[in-house]
Amino acid sequence: MSSISTPRPVSTPVVLPVSKSVLWLVGTVLIALAVYYFIGVDQGAVSVFGKDMHIHEFVHDARHFLGFPCH
């Protein structure tokens, strides 16, 4: 019995230039800091956006779930 071997495709790694990876890293950090601010810091009454409680109420349950004090 003879077996026919088929060539397997060789996987090549994705090469990302340093400039693009730095751009992705900075963007990710900025988005993470914005999410942290809105969930962990923004209290509504002392908000950067005035006394608007919309953001506070939108993330209210997530704030308690993650252990941030709220009221």
N, C-alpha and C. Protein backbone atom coordinates (compact mmCIF):
# COMPACT_ATOMS: atom_id res chain seq x y z
N MET A 1 0.82 -1.16 0.00
CA MET A 1 0.00 0.00 0.00
C MET A 1 0.87 1.25 0.00
N SER A 2 0.59 2.14 -0.85
CA SER A 2 1.37 3.37 -0.87
C SER A 2 0.49 4.51 -0.41
N SER A 3 1.09 5.42 0.29
CA SER A 3 0.35 6.60 0.75
C SER A 3 0.89 7.82 0.04
N ILE A 4 -0.03 8.66 -0.32
CA ILE A 4 0.35 9.90 -1.00
C ILE A 4 0.35 11.01 0.05
N SER A 5 1.46 11.65 0.19
CA SER A 5 1.54 12.74 1.17
C SER A 5 1.28 14.06 0.46
N THR A 6 0.42 14.82 1.03
CA THR A 6 0.13 16.14 0.48
C THR A 6 0.93 17.17 1.26
N PRO A 7 1.45 18.14 0.57
CA PRO A 7 2.23 19.17 1.29
C PRO A 7 1.30 20.02 2.17
N ARG A 8 1.75 20.23 3.37
CA ARG A 8 0.99 21.06 4.31
C ARG A 8 1.38 22.52 4.13
N PRO A 9 0.40 23.40 4.19
CA PRO A 9 0.76 24.83 4.07
C PRO A 9 1.54 25.28 5.31
N VAL A 10 2.53 26.07 5.05
CA VAL A 10 3.37 26.59 6.14
C VAL A 10 2.74 27.87 6.65
N SER A 11 2.50 27.94 7.96
CA SER A 11 1.93 29.16 8.53
C SER A 11 3.04 30.17 8.77
N THR A 12 2.76 31.39 8.40
CA THR A 12 3.73 32.46 8.61
C THR A 12 3.17 33.44 9.63
N PRO A 13 3.98 33.94 10.53
CA PRO A 13 3.50 34.88 11.53
C PRO A 13 3.16 36.23 10.90
N VAL A 14 2.24 36.93 11.55
CA VAL A 14 1.89 38.26 11.10
C VAL A 14 2.93 39.23 11.64
N VAL A 15 3.53 39.97 10.77
CA VAL A 15 4.56 40.93 11.17
C VAL A 15 3.92 42.31 11.20
N LEU A 16 3.93 42.93 12.36
CA LEU A 16 3.34 44.26 12.54
C LEU A 16 4.47 45.25 12.78
N PRO A 17 4.54 46.30 11.98
CA PRO A 17 5.60 47.29 12.20
C PRO A 17 5.47 47.96 13.57
N VAL A 18 6.58 48.40 14.11
CA VAL A 18 6.60 49.02 15.43
C VAL A 18 5.70 50.25 15.48
N SER A 19 5.70 51.04 14.42
CA SER A 19 4.88 52.26 14.43
C SER A 19 3.40 51.93 14.54
N LYS A 20 2.94 50.89 13.86
CA LYS A 20 1.53 50.50 13.97
C LYS A 20 1.22 49.90 15.33
N SER A 21 2.13 49.13 15.88
CA SER A 21 1.87 48.54 17.18
C SER A 21 1.83 49.60 18.28
N VAL A 22 2.65 50.63 18.17
CA VAL A 22 2.61 51.73 19.14
C VAL A 22 1.29 52.48 19.02
N LEU A 23 0.83 52.68 17.80
CA LEU A 23 -0.44 53.34 17.57
C LEU A 23 -1.59 52.55 18.19
N TRP A 24 -1.59 51.23 18.00
CA TRP A 24 -2.63 50.37 18.59
C TRP A 24 -2.54 50.39 20.12
N LEU A 25 -1.34 50.39 20.67
CA LEU A 25 -1.16 50.41 22.12
C LEU A 25 -1.67 51.72 22.71
N VAL A 26 -1.35 52.84 22.10
CA VAL A 26 -1.80 54.14 22.60
C VAL A 26 -3.32 54.25 22.51
N GLY A 27 -3.90 53.81 21.41
CA GLY A 27 -5.35 53.83 21.26
C GLY A 27 -6.05 52.97 22.30
N THR A 28 -5.51 51.79 22.55
CA THR A 28 -6.09 50.89 23.54
C THR A 28 -6.01 51.48 24.94
N VAL A 29 -4.90 52.10 25.27
CA VAL A 29 -4.74 52.72 26.59
C VAL A 29 -5.71 53.88 26.76
N LEU A 30 -5.89 54.70 25.74
CA LEU A 30 -6.83 55.83 25.83
C LEU A 30 -8.26 55.35 26.01
N ILE A 31 -8.66 54.33 25.29
CA ILE A 31 -10.01 53.79 25.44
C ILE A 31 -10.18 53.16 26.82
N ALA A 32 -9.16 52.45 27.30
CA ALA A 32 -9.23 51.84 28.63
C ALA A 32 -9.34 52.90 29.72
N LEU A 33 -8.61 54.00 29.59
CA LEU A 33 -8.70 55.07 30.58
C LEU A 33 -10.07 55.75 30.56
N ALA A 34 -10.65 55.92 29.38
CA ALA A 34 -11.98 56.50 29.28
C ALA A 34 -13.02 55.59 29.93
N VAL A 35 -12.93 54.29 29.68
CA VAL A 35 -13.86 53.34 30.30
C VAL A 35 -13.68 53.34 31.81
N TYR A 36 -12.43 53.35 32.27
CA TYR A 36 -12.17 53.39 33.72
C TYR A 36 -12.77 54.65 34.34
N TYR A 37 -12.63 55.80 33.67
CA TYR A 37 -13.18 57.04 34.20
C TYR A 37 -14.70 56.95 34.31
N PHE A 38 -15.35 56.53 33.24
CA PHE A 38 -16.82 56.51 33.23
C PHE A 38 -17.39 55.50 34.22
N ILE A 39 -16.72 54.36 34.41
CA ILE A 39 -17.25 53.36 35.34
C ILE A 39 -16.77 53.62 36.76
N GLY A 40 -15.51 53.98 36.94
CA GLY A 40 -14.96 54.05 38.28
C GLY A 40 -14.89 55.40 38.93
N VAL A 41 -14.85 56.47 38.18
CA VAL A 41 -14.60 57.78 38.77
C VAL A 41 -15.81 58.70 38.68
N ASP A 42 -16.48 58.72 37.53
CA ASP A 42 -17.58 59.66 37.29
C ASP A 42 -18.72 59.39 38.27
N GLN A 43 -19.01 60.36 39.12
CA GLN A 43 -20.06 60.20 40.14
C GLN A 43 -21.32 60.98 39.80
N GLY A 44 -21.37 61.63 38.66
CA GLY A 44 -22.55 62.40 38.31
C GLY A 44 -22.48 63.81 38.85
N ALA A 45 -22.50 63.98 40.18
CA ALA A 45 -22.50 65.30 40.79
C ALA A 45 -21.15 66.01 40.60
N VAL A 46 -20.06 65.25 40.56
CA VAL A 46 -18.74 65.84 40.38
C VAL A 46 -18.16 65.47 39.02
N SER A 47 -19.03 65.29 38.06
CA SER A 47 -18.63 64.87 36.73
C SER A 47 -17.92 65.99 35.98
N VAL A 48 -17.05 65.62 35.07
CA VAL A 48 -16.39 66.58 34.20
C VAL A 48 -17.41 67.23 33.29
N PHE A 49 -18.50 66.53 33.01
CA PHE A 49 -19.52 67.00 32.07
C PHE A 49 -20.65 67.74 32.76
N GLY A 50 -20.46 68.22 33.98
CA GLY A 50 -21.50 68.94 34.69
C GLY A 50 -22.30 68.00 35.59
N LYS A 51 -23.47 68.44 35.99
CA LYS A 51 -24.29 67.64 36.91
C LYS A 51 -25.24 66.73 36.14
N ASP A 52 -24.72 66.10 35.10
CA ASP A 52 -25.51 65.20 34.27
C ASP A 52 -25.35 63.78 34.80
N MET A 53 -26.45 63.12 35.11
CA MET A 53 -26.41 61.79 35.71
C MET A 53 -26.63 60.67 34.70
N HIS A 54 -26.69 60.99 33.42
CA HIS A 54 -26.98 59.95 32.42
C HIS A 54 -25.89 58.88 32.36
N ILE A 55 -24.64 59.28 32.34
CA ILE A 55 -23.54 58.31 32.27
C ILE A 55 -23.50 57.50 33.56
N HIS A 56 -23.67 58.16 34.68
CA HIS A 56 -23.64 57.47 35.98
C HIS A 56 -24.73 56.41 36.04
N GLU A 57 -25.92 56.74 35.63
CA GLU A 57 -27.02 55.77 35.68
C GLU A 57 -26.84 54.66 34.66
N PHE A 58 -26.21 54.95 33.52
CA PHE A 58 -26.00 53.94 32.50
C PHE A 58 -25.03 52.86 32.97
N VAL A 59 -24.00 53.24 33.73
CA VAL A 59 -22.99 52.27 34.19
C VAL A 59 -23.16 51.92 35.67
N HIS A 60 -24.31 52.24 36.24
CA HIS A 60 -24.54 52.06 37.67
C HIS A 60 -24.35 50.62 38.12
N ASP A 61 -24.96 49.67 37.43
CA ASP A 61 -24.85 48.27 37.84
C ASP A 61 -23.44 47.74 37.63
N ALA A 62 -22.77 48.16 36.57
CA ALA A 62 -21.40 47.72 36.34
C ALA A 62 -20.49 48.24 37.44
N ARG A 63 -20.76 49.44 37.91
CA ARG A 63 -19.97 50.02 39.00
C ARG A 63 -20.07 49.16 40.26
N HIS A 64 -21.28 48.74 40.61
CA HIS A 64 -21.45 47.91 41.80
C HIS A 64 -20.85 46.51 41.57
N PHE A 65 -21.02 45.97 40.37
CA PHE A 65 -20.49 44.65 40.06
C PHE A 65 -18.97 44.61 40.18
N LEU A 66 -18.31 45.69 39.77
CA LEU A 66 -16.85 45.75 39.82
C LEU A 66 -16.31 46.21 41.16
N GLY A 67 -17.20 46.54 42.11
CA GLY A 67 -16.77 46.88 43.46
C GLY A 67 -16.45 48.33 43.70
N PHE A 68 -16.81 49.22 42.81
CA PHE A 68 -16.59 50.64 43.03
C PHE A 68 -17.68 51.19 43.93
N PRO A 69 -17.33 52.04 44.92
CA PRO A 69 -18.37 52.64 45.74
C PRO A 69 -19.16 53.65 44.91
N CYS A 70 -20.41 53.78 45.25
CA CYS A 70 -21.26 54.59 44.39
C CYS A 70 -22.01 55.66 45.18
N HIS A 71 -22.71 55.26 46.23
CA HIS A 71 -23.49 56.25 46.98
C HIS A 71 -23.36 56.01 48.44
